[in-house]
Amino acid sequence: MRRAASGRGPMTPDPLVLAVDDEAGVLQPMRADLSGQGFRVASASTGEEALKAVEEQRPDVVLIGVTDMKVLDVMRRIRNQMNVPVIIATAKHNEKEKVRALETGADDYLVTPFSSEELGARIHAVLRRANGSQNTERVVRVEDIEIDLDRRVMTRNGEVVSLTRTEWSLLQYLAANAGKVMLNAELLSKVWGPEYHDDVQYLRVWVSRLRRKLEPNPNAPVIIKTMQGIGYMLDAEPAQSASAQAG
């Protein structure tokens, strides 16, 4: 079954993955693996080529596998050009590097070796998050924050706050369940996909990023509360429907 990709109309091709790596020996098998799983694949071997491909081809996902390229710089420049999901695939098995990449804006971080099936599953997971939507007509208000679940917008004192897709997906799920403790595994499965249900470090990183945009003092959070060893809760009244507010 073919999905409707963002901005491509009702009859759309299979998801386009832009694979970026400075080694041809990595790009070629990666293209073959992804093509075999039904993805269309474009490739780039430098940051400049990647930026050009993003502008001209509008990929659904960017996959950055690097050795010497400055991956975070490439990712920032791509993100400045287009709000597209980015997956980093690297041989660096370093927790600090992973956290830094996620905090900078990566949607996922894979450490080699990994199977082509796992890579495909991760790509599908970020696509689900990028295209997922809860069609509710509800607004959640807490402190000076307003979260409009229907319009998919968060404002502070009437000013729109910029969120990445993943930040919004996490906030949306917390806000839709305001006042309720959401378990770590449940948040991971609902926002990222069932393959992430044990990756609590992922959740901590994204909650930290979200707090920096919501909380008056991120080091002493009062909006997104931590239930140690259990999960998180958005401390607000349950959302009200737009029609109820109008009445």
Protein backbone atom coordinates (compact mmCIF):
# COMPACT_ATOMS: atom_id res chain seq x y z
CA MET A 1 0.00 0.00 0.00
CA ARG A 2 1.28 3.44 -0.89
CA ARG A 3 1.05 6.26 1.60
CA ALA A 4 0.17 9.90 1.10
CA ALA A 5 3.41 11.81 1.59
CA SER A 6 3.38 15.40 2.82
CA GLY A 7 2.73 17.82 0.00
CA ARG A 8 2.63 15.18 -2.75
CA GLY A 9 -1.11 14.90 -3.41
CA PRO A 10 -3.55 11.98 -3.13
CA MET A 11 -1.68 9.56 -5.44
CA THR A 12 1.88 9.56 -4.23
CA PRO A 13 5.01 7.46 -4.78
CA ASP A 14 6.64 5.38 -2.10
CA PRO A 15 8.63 7.27 0.56
CA LEU A 16 11.80 8.90 -0.71
CA VAL A 17 14.88 8.41 1.48
CA LEU A 18 17.91 10.63 0.96
CA ALA A 19 20.96 8.61 2.03
CA VAL A 20 24.01 10.74 2.85
CA ASP A 21 27.46 9.19 3.29
CA ASP A 22 30.98 10.03 2.19
CA GLU A 23 31.83 6.40 1.38
CA ALA A 24 30.54 4.88 -1.85
CA GLY A 25 31.02 1.43 -0.34
CA VAL A 26 28.38 2.30 2.25
CA LEU A 27 25.96 4.13 -0.01
CA GLN A 28 25.63 1.42 -2.64
CA PRO A 29 24.53 -1.45 -0.35
CA MET A 30 22.35 0.97 1.61
CA ARG A 31 20.55 1.98 -1.58
CA ALA A 32 20.05 -1.68 -2.49
CA ASP A 33 18.71 -2.59 0.96
CA LEU A 34 16.26 0.30 1.05
CA SER A 35 15.11 -0.22 -2.53
CA GLY A 36 14.47 -3.86 -1.69
CA GLN A 37 12.12 -2.73 1.09
CA GLY A 38 10.05 -0.53 -1.21
CA PHE A 39 11.66 2.86 -0.60
CA ARG A 40 12.77 5.20 -3.34
CA VAL A 41 16.35 6.25 -2.66
CA ALA A 42 18.41 9.30 -3.56
CA SER A 43 21.99 9.70 -2.41
CA ALA A 44 24.59 12.35 -1.63
CA SER A 45 28.24 12.07 -0.63
CA THR A 46 28.80 15.61 0.72
CA GLY A 47 26.89 18.12 2.77
CA GLU A 48 26.51 20.41 -0.25
CA GLU A 49 25.10 17.57 -2.37
CA ALA A 50 22.70 16.72 0.46
CA LEU A 51 21.42 20.30 0.69
CA LYS A 52 20.91 20.43 -3.07
CA ALA A 53 19.05 17.10 -3.04
CA VAL A 54 16.81 18.27 -0.17
CA GLU A 55 15.90 21.40 -2.09
CA GLU A 56 15.31 19.69 -5.43
CA GLN A 57 13.86 16.30 -4.44
CA ARG A 58 12.07 17.05 -1.14
CA PRO A 59 12.77 13.68 0.53
CA ASP A 60 10.48 12.20 3.16
CA VAL A 61 13.42 11.13 5.36
CA VAL A 62 17.13 11.97 5.42
CA LEU A 63 19.47 9.17 6.51
CA ILE A 64 22.96 10.41 7.43
CA GLY A 65 25.63 7.74 7.71
CA VAL A 66 28.99 9.39 8.23
CA THR A 67 32.65 8.86 8.90
CA ASP A 68 34.46 12.19 8.57
CA MET A 69 31.62 14.54 7.63
CA LYS A 70 30.48 16.95 10.33
CA VAL A 71 27.15 15.29 10.86
CA LEU A 72 25.55 17.81 13.23
CA ASP A 73 26.45 20.71 10.97
CA VAL A 74 24.97 18.91 7.97
CA MET A 75 21.82 18.12 9.95
CA ARG A 76 21.40 21.73 11.13
CA ARG A 77 21.75 23.03 7.59
CA ILE A 78 19.24 20.51 6.26
CA ARG A 79 16.79 21.39 9.05
CA ASN A 80 17.16 25.10 8.28
CA GLN A 81 16.18 24.31 4.71
CA MET A 82 13.34 21.84 5.30
CA ASN A 83 11.61 20.34 8.34
CA VAL A 84 12.31 16.74 7.34
CA PRO A 85 12.90 13.79 9.68
CA VAL A 86 16.61 12.96 10.07
CA ILE A 87 18.08 9.61 11.11
CA ILE A 88 21.78 9.35 11.99
CA ALA A 89 23.48 6.01 11.38
CA THR A 90 27.00 5.85 12.74
CA ALA A 91 29.67 3.52 14.10
CA LYS A 92 30.14 5.82 17.13
CA HIS A 93 28.77 3.90 20.10
CA ASN A 94 28.97 6.82 22.49
CA GLU A 95 26.07 7.79 24.74
CA LYS A 96 27.13 11.45 24.90
CA GLU A 97 27.28 11.64 21.08
CA LYS A 98 23.82 10.08 20.86
CA VAL A 99 22.32 12.52 23.37
CA ARG A 100 24.00 15.46 21.64
CA ALA A 101 22.62 14.40 18.25
CA LEU A 102 19.10 13.97 19.63
CA GLU A 103 19.25 17.32 21.43
CA THR A 104 20.44 18.97 18.21
CA GLY A 105 17.38 17.67 16.38
CA ALA A 106 17.96 14.13 15.09
CA ASP A 107 14.77 12.07 15.06
CA ASP A 108 16.63 8.80 15.52
CA TYR A 109 20.17 7.52 16.10
CA LEU A 110 21.36 4.09 14.98
CA VAL A 111 24.70 2.50 15.81
CA THR A 112 26.22 0.01 13.36
CA PRO A 113 26.00 -2.86 12.87
CA PHE A 114 22.25 -3.02 12.32
CA SER A 115 20.13 -5.10 9.97
CA SER A 116 18.41 -3.69 6.90
CA GLU A 117 15.12 -4.75 8.49
CA GLU A 118 15.82 -2.65 11.60
CA LEU A 119 16.76 0.32 9.44
CA GLY A 120 13.53 -0.02 7.48
CA ALA A 121 11.52 -0.26 10.69
CA ARG A 122 13.15 2.91 12.07
CA ILE A 123 12.41 4.79 8.84
CA HIS A 124 8.77 3.73 8.95
CA ALA A 125 8.62 4.79 12.61
CA VAL A 126 9.82 8.35 11.91
CA LEU A 127 7.42 8.55 8.97
CA ARG A 128 4.54 7.56 11.25
CA ARG A 129 5.52 10.28 13.70
CA ALA A 130 5.93 12.85 10.93
CA ASN A 131 2.51 12.13 9.44
CA GLY A 132 0.62 11.15 12.59
CA SER A 133 -2.24 13.32 13.76
CA GLN A 134 -4.93 13.22 16.40
CA ASN A 135 -7.98 14.87 14.86
CA THR A 136 -9.40 16.32 18.04
CA GLU A 137 -10.91 19.74 18.61
CA ARG A 138 -9.37 20.41 21.97
CA VAL A 139 -7.27 23.05 23.63
CA VAL A 140 -5.15 22.57 26.76
CA ARG A 141 -4.09 25.59 28.82
CA VAL A 142 -1.47 25.62 31.57
CA GLU A 143 0.44 28.59 32.96
CA ASP A 144 0.93 30.93 29.96
CA ILE A 145 0.92 28.01 27.50
CA GLU A 146 -1.94 27.08 25.15
CA ILE A 147 -1.80 23.77 23.26
CA ASP A 148 -4.26 23.52 20.37
CA LEU A 149 -4.51 19.83 19.54
CA ASP A 150 -6.61 20.41 16.44
CA ARG A 151 -4.44 23.11 14.86
CA ARG A 152 -1.26 21.38 16.09
CA VAL A 153 0.07 24.64 17.53
CA MET A 154 1.54 25.63 20.88
CA THR A 155 1.58 29.28 21.92
CA ARG A 156 3.00 31.19 24.87
CA ASN A 157 1.23 34.45 25.64
CA GLY A 158 -0.26 34.27 22.14
CA GLU A 159 3.11 33.80 20.41
CA VAL A 160 3.65 30.59 18.46
CA VAL A 161 6.45 28.40 19.85
CA SER A 162 8.43 26.47 17.23
CA LEU A 163 8.46 22.71 17.80
CA THR A 164 9.98 19.86 15.83
CA ARG A 165 7.71 17.04 14.68
CA THR A 166 8.91 14.76 17.46
CA GLU A 167 8.54 17.45 20.12
CA TRP A 168 4.98 18.08 18.94
CA SER A 169 4.12 14.37 18.85
CA LEU A 170 5.28 13.95 22.46
CA LEU A 171 3.54 17.12 23.64
CA GLN A 172 0.38 16.20 21.77
CA TYR A 173 0.13 12.82 23.48
CA LEU A 174 0.86 14.27 26.93
CA ALA A 175 -1.65 17.09 26.39
CA ALA A 176 -4.35 14.76 25.08
CA ASN A 177 -3.96 12.87 28.38
CA ALA A 178 -3.45 15.92 30.62
CA GLY A 179 -3.65 15.17 34.33
CA LYS A 180 -2.93 11.49 33.73
CA VAL A 181 0.38 9.72 34.40
CA MET A 182 1.65 8.27 31.13
CA LEU A 183 3.96 5.27 31.50
CA ASN A 184 7.41 5.44 29.95
CA ALA A 185 6.79 2.38 27.77
CA GLU A 186 3.41 3.72 26.67
CA LEU A 187 4.83 7.09 25.63
CA LEU A 188 7.68 5.45 23.75
CA SER A 189 5.35 3.06 21.94
CA LYS A 190 2.72 5.68 21.08
CA VAL A 191 5.10 8.46 20.01
CA TRP A 192 8.03 6.55 18.52
CA GLY A 193 6.60 3.08 17.85
CA PRO A 194 6.59 -0.30 19.64
CA GLU A 195 10.20 -0.98 18.67
CA TYR A 196 11.24 1.83 21.06
CA HIS A 197 9.30 0.75 24.16
CA ASP A 198 12.45 0.07 26.24
CA ASP A 199 14.51 3.11 25.18
CA VAL A 200 13.90 5.31 28.23
CA GLN A 201 17.00 7.42 27.47
CA TYR A 202 15.29 8.55 24.25
CA LEU A 203 12.29 9.70 26.23
CA ARG A 204 14.41 11.58 28.78
CA VAL A 205 16.20 13.50 26.03
CA TRP A 206 13.00 14.58 24.29
CA VAL A 207 11.22 15.48 27.52
CA SER A 208 14.24 17.63 28.42
CA ARG A 209 14.05 19.38 25.03
CA LEU A 210 10.33 19.96 25.42
CA ARG A 211 10.73 21.35 28.93
CA ARG A 212 13.16 23.97 27.68
CA LYS A 213 10.35 25.31 25.49
CA LEU A 214 7.50 24.96 28.02
CA GLU A 215 8.80 25.42 31.51
CA PRO A 216 9.50 28.76 33.24
CA ASN A 217 12.47 26.94 34.83
CA PRO A 218 13.35 23.68 33.05
CA ASN A 219 15.48 22.61 36.03
CA ALA A 220 12.43 22.76 38.29
CA PRO A 221 9.60 21.64 36.00
CA VAL A 222 6.00 22.34 36.97
CA ILE A 223 4.24 21.59 33.66
CA ILE A 224 5.69 18.21 32.65
CA LYS A 225 6.16 16.32 35.91
CA THR A 226 8.38 13.27 36.33
CA MET A 227 6.95 10.24 38.11
CA GLN A 228 10.26 8.62 39.01
CA GLY A 229 10.65 5.21 37.44
CA ILE A 230 7.07 5.33 36.11
CA GLY A 231 6.53 8.02 33.51
CA TYR A 232 5.46 11.64 32.96
CA MET A 233 2.36 13.77 33.38
CA LEU A 234 1.32 17.09 31.87
CA ASP A 235 -0.03 18.89 34.93
CA ALA A 236 -3.08 20.59 33.46
CA GLU A 237 -6.83 20.20 33.36
CA PRO A 238 -8.11 17.77 30.70
CA ALA A 239 -8.61 19.36 27.29
CA GLN A 240 -11.89 21.07 26.46
CA SER A 241 -13.58 20.84 23.09
CA ALA A 242 -13.69 23.94 20.93
CA SER A 243 -17.47 23.72 20.74
CA ALA A 244 -17.75 23.52 24.53
CA GLN A 245 -15.57 26.59 24.92
CA ALA A 246 -17.64 28.49 22.34
CA GLY A 247 -20.81 27.65 24.27
